[in-house]
Amino acid sequence: MPTNVNDIIRKLTAAQRKKVRSRAAQLIAEEMTLGELRKARKLTQVRVARKLGITQDSVSRLEKRSDLLLSTLRRTVEAMGGNLSLVAEFPDRPPVVLSGIAEDYRRG
């Protein structure tokens, strides 16, 4: 007979259920789409568009894309008030933060 996750959760103590809910929320918060991130930052597409110098429709299309240039992603995250870091993860070593990728090299 298959095990139902709801049955397992019902057997947990209140403290255990609270811990499970907390960890689930933490995991969900660690992964977001650009649109979810923007909403979590309490920003509208219009406000992000103004900071990027593009139209609201362009922000909408950007949020739906699955393949972005790193420089576009960096500028979008910065428009939301953040900084973009790129981390390479390997099974046999600690994570490595990659530098020099998608950095803004403005010629002066």
C-alpha atoms as a PDB file:
ATOM      1  CA  MET A   1       0.000   0.000   0.000  1.00  0.00           C
ATOM      2  CA  PRO A   2       1.447   3.415  -0.954  1.00  0.00           C
ATOM      3  CA  THR A   3       2.293   5.908   1.750  1.00  0.00           C
ATOM      4  CA  ASN A   4       0.404   9.208   1.705  1.00  0.00           C
ATOM      5  CA  VAL A   5       2.445  12.241   2.757  1.00  0.00           C
ATOM      6  CA  ASN A   6      -0.604  13.764   4.474  1.00  0.00           C
ATOM      7  CA  ASP A   7      -0.866  10.669   6.687  1.00  0.00           C
ATOM      8  CA  ILE A   8       2.779  11.061   7.678  1.00  0.00           C
ATOM      9  CA  ILE A   9       2.344  14.773   8.441  1.00  0.00           C
ATOM     10  CA  ARG A  10      -0.746  14.092  10.571  1.00  0.00           C
ATOM     11  CA  LYS A  11       1.334  11.754  12.756  1.00  0.00           C
ATOM     12  CA  LEU A  12       3.917  14.456  13.500  1.00  0.00           C
ATOM     13  CA  THR A  13       3.818  16.562  16.640  1.00  0.00           C
ATOM     14  CA  ALA A  14       2.849  20.225  16.335  1.00  0.00           C
ATOM     15  CA  ALA A  15       6.513  21.195  16.785  1.00  0.00           C
ATOM     16  CA  GLN A  16       7.605  18.792  14.050  1.00  0.00           C
ATOM     17  CA  ARG A  17       4.926  20.107  11.659  1.00  0.00           C
ATOM     18  CA  LYS A  18       6.055  23.670  12.375  1.00  0.00           C
ATOM     19  CA  LYS A  19       9.660  22.714  11.613  1.00  0.00           C
ATOM     20  CA  VAL A  20       8.614  21.033   8.342  1.00  0.00           C
ATOM     21  CA  ARG A  21       6.577  24.099   7.297  1.00  0.00           C
ATOM     22  CA  SER A  22       9.492  26.399   8.143  1.00  0.00           C
ATOM     23  CA  ARG A  23      11.973  24.336   6.117  1.00  0.00           C
ATOM     24  CA  ALA A  24       9.546  24.087   3.194  1.00  0.00           C
ATOM     25  CA  ALA A  25       9.134  27.875   3.187  1.00  0.00           C
ATOM     26  CA  GLN A  26      12.913  28.283   3.287  1.00  0.00           C
ATOM     27  CA  LEU A  27      13.385  25.955   0.305  1.00  0.00           C
ATOM     28  CA  ILE A  28      10.647  27.699  -1.654  1.00  0.00           C
ATOM     29  CA  ALA A  29      12.226  31.093  -0.921  1.00  0.00           C
ATOM     30  CA  GLU A  30      15.580  29.885  -2.239  1.00  0.00           C
ATOM     31  CA  GLU A  31      14.191  29.352  -5.732  1.00  0.00           C
ATOM     32  CA  MET A  32      12.134  31.975  -7.525  1.00  0.00           C
ATOM     33  CA  THR A  33      11.452  33.128 -11.029  1.00  0.00           C
ATOM     34  CA  LEU A  34      12.328  36.725 -11.904  1.00  0.00           C
ATOM     35  CA  GLY A  35       8.656  37.651 -11.637  1.00  0.00           C
ATOM     36  CA  GLU A  36       8.347  36.025  -8.213  1.00  0.00           C
ATOM     37  CA  LEU A  37      11.516  37.781  -7.088  1.00  0.00           C
ATOM     38  CA  ARG A  38      10.165  41.131  -8.287  1.00  0.00           C
ATOM     39  CA  LYS A  39       6.891  40.551  -6.432  1.00  0.00           C
ATOM     40  CA  ALA A  40       8.742  39.448  -3.286  1.00  0.00           C
ATOM     41  CA  ARG A  41      10.651  42.738  -3.466  1.00  0.00           C
ATOM     42  CA  LYS A  42       7.251  44.509  -3.718  1.00  0.00           C
ATOM     43  CA  LEU A  43       8.126  46.050  -7.076  1.00  0.00           C
ATOM     44  CA  THR A  44       5.861  46.544 -10.086  1.00  0.00           C
ATOM     45  CA  GLN A  45       6.887  45.790 -13.649  1.00  0.00           C
ATOM     46  CA  VAL A  46       6.481  49.519 -14.359  1.00  0.00           C
ATOM     47  CA  ARG A  47       8.943  50.493 -11.623  1.00  0.00           C
ATOM     48  CA  VAL A  48      11.538  47.935 -12.771  1.00  0.00           C
ATOM     49  CA  ALA A  49      11.024  49.063 -16.378  1.00  0.00           C
ATOM     50  CA  ARG A  50      11.725  52.687 -15.411  1.00  0.00           C
ATOM     51  CA  LYS A  51      14.967  51.689 -13.665  1.00  0.00           C
ATOM     52  CA  LEU A  52      16.025  49.652 -16.713  1.00  0.00           C
ATOM     53  CA  GLY A  53      14.948  52.297 -19.224  1.00  0.00           C
ATOM     54  CA  ILE A  54      12.606  49.888 -21.016  1.00  0.00           C
ATOM     55  CA  THR A  55       8.841  49.405 -21.293  1.00  0.00           C
ATOM     56  CA  GLN A  56       6.635  47.468 -18.869  1.00  0.00           C
ATOM     57  CA  ASP A  57       5.843  45.052 -21.707  1.00  0.00           C
ATOM     58  CA  SER A  58       9.577  44.387 -22.113  1.00  0.00           C
ATOM     59  CA  VAL A  59       9.845  43.520 -18.408  1.00  0.00           C
ATOM     60  CA  SER A  60       6.877  41.151 -18.778  1.00  0.00           C
ATOM     61  CA  ARG A  61       8.552  39.397 -21.724  1.00  0.00           C
ATOM     62  CA  LEU A  62      11.881  39.294 -19.886  1.00  0.00           C
ATOM     63  CA  GLU A  63      10.251  37.569 -16.900  1.00  0.00           C
ATOM     64  CA  LYS A  64       8.807  34.877 -19.189  1.00  0.00           C
ATOM     65  CA  ARG A  65      12.104  34.056 -20.910  1.00  0.00           C
ATOM     66  CA  SER A  66      13.957  30.911 -19.949  1.00  0.00           C
ATOM     67  CA  ASP A  67      17.266  31.943 -21.535  1.00  0.00           C
ATOM     68  CA  LEU A  68      18.788  35.340 -20.689  1.00  0.00           C
ATOM     69  CA  LEU A  69      22.153  36.936 -21.208  1.00  0.00           C
ATOM     70  CA  LEU A  70      23.930  37.139 -17.872  1.00  0.00           C
ATOM     71  CA  SER A  71      24.369  40.878 -18.379  1.00  0.00           C
ATOM     72  CA  THR A  72      20.591  41.278 -18.797  1.00  0.00           C
ATOM     73  CA  LEU A  73      19.960  39.208 -15.689  1.00  0.00           C
ATOM     74  CA  ARG A  74      22.548  41.234 -13.742  1.00  0.00           C
ATOM     75  CA  ARG A  75      20.970  44.566 -14.750  1.00  0.00           C
ATOM     76  CA  THR A  76      17.490  43.277 -13.875  1.00  0.00           C
ATOM     77  CA  VAL A  77      18.570  42.076 -10.421  1.00  0.00           C
ATOM     78  CA  GLU A  78      20.344  45.395  -9.825  1.00  0.00           C
ATOM     79  CA  ALA A  79      17.165  47.262 -10.846  1.00  0.00           C
ATOM     80  CA  MET A  80      15.447  45.340  -8.031  1.00  0.00           C
ATOM     81  CA  GLY A  81      18.117  46.494  -5.576  1.00  0.00           C
ATOM     82  CA  GLY A  82      20.238  43.339  -5.538  1.00  0.00           C
ATOM     83  CA  ASN A  83      23.530  42.018  -6.857  1.00  0.00           C
ATOM     84  CA  LEU A  84      23.980  38.940  -9.025  1.00  0.00           C
ATOM     85  CA  SER A  85      26.488  36.247  -8.095  1.00  0.00           C
ATOM     86  CA  LEU A  86      27.172  33.132 -10.120  1.00  0.00           C
ATOM     87  CA  VAL A  87      28.120  30.032  -8.144  1.00  0.00           C
ATOM     88  CA  ALA A  88      29.475  26.777  -9.594  1.00  0.00           C
ATOM     89  CA  GLU A  89      28.698  23.710  -7.477  1.00  0.00           C
ATOM     90  CA  PHE A  90      30.574  20.427  -7.668  1.00  0.00           C
ATOM     91  CA  PRO A  91      30.046  17.186  -5.743  1.00  0.00           C
ATOM     92  CA  ASP A  92      33.687  16.951  -4.628  1.00  0.00           C
ATOM     93  CA  ARG A  93      34.397  20.480  -3.405  1.00  0.00           C
ATOM     94  CA  PRO A  94      32.773  23.531  -1.812  1.00  0.00           C
ATOM     95  CA  PRO A  95      30.865  25.957  -4.088  1.00  0.00           C
ATOM     96  CA  VAL A  96      32.949  28.404  -6.113  1.00  0.00           C
ATOM     97  CA  VAL A  97      31.798  31.991  -6.755  1.00  0.00           C
ATOM     98  CA  LEU A  98      32.736  32.854 -10.341  1.00  0.00           C
ATOM     99  CA  SER A  99      34.130  36.340 -10.828  1.00  0.00           C
ATOM    100  CA  GLY A 100      34.367  38.497 -13.937  1.00  0.00           C
ATOM    101  CA  ILE A 101      31.176  37.106 -15.463  1.00  0.00           C
ATOM    102  CA  ALA A 102      28.436  39.521 -16.496  1.00  0.00           C
ATOM    103  CA  GLU A 103      30.244  42.392 -14.842  1.00  0.00           C
ATOM    104  CA  ASP A 104      29.552  45.813 -16.281  1.00  0.00           C
ATOM    105  CA  TYR A 105      32.684  46.982 -18.071  1.00  0.00           C
ATOM    106  CA  ARG A 106      31.851  50.536 -19.118  1.00  0.00           C
ATOM    107  CA  ARG A 107      34.371  52.165 -21.374  1.00  0.00           C
ATOM    108  CA  GLY A 108      35.283  55.614 -20.209  1.00  0.00           C
END
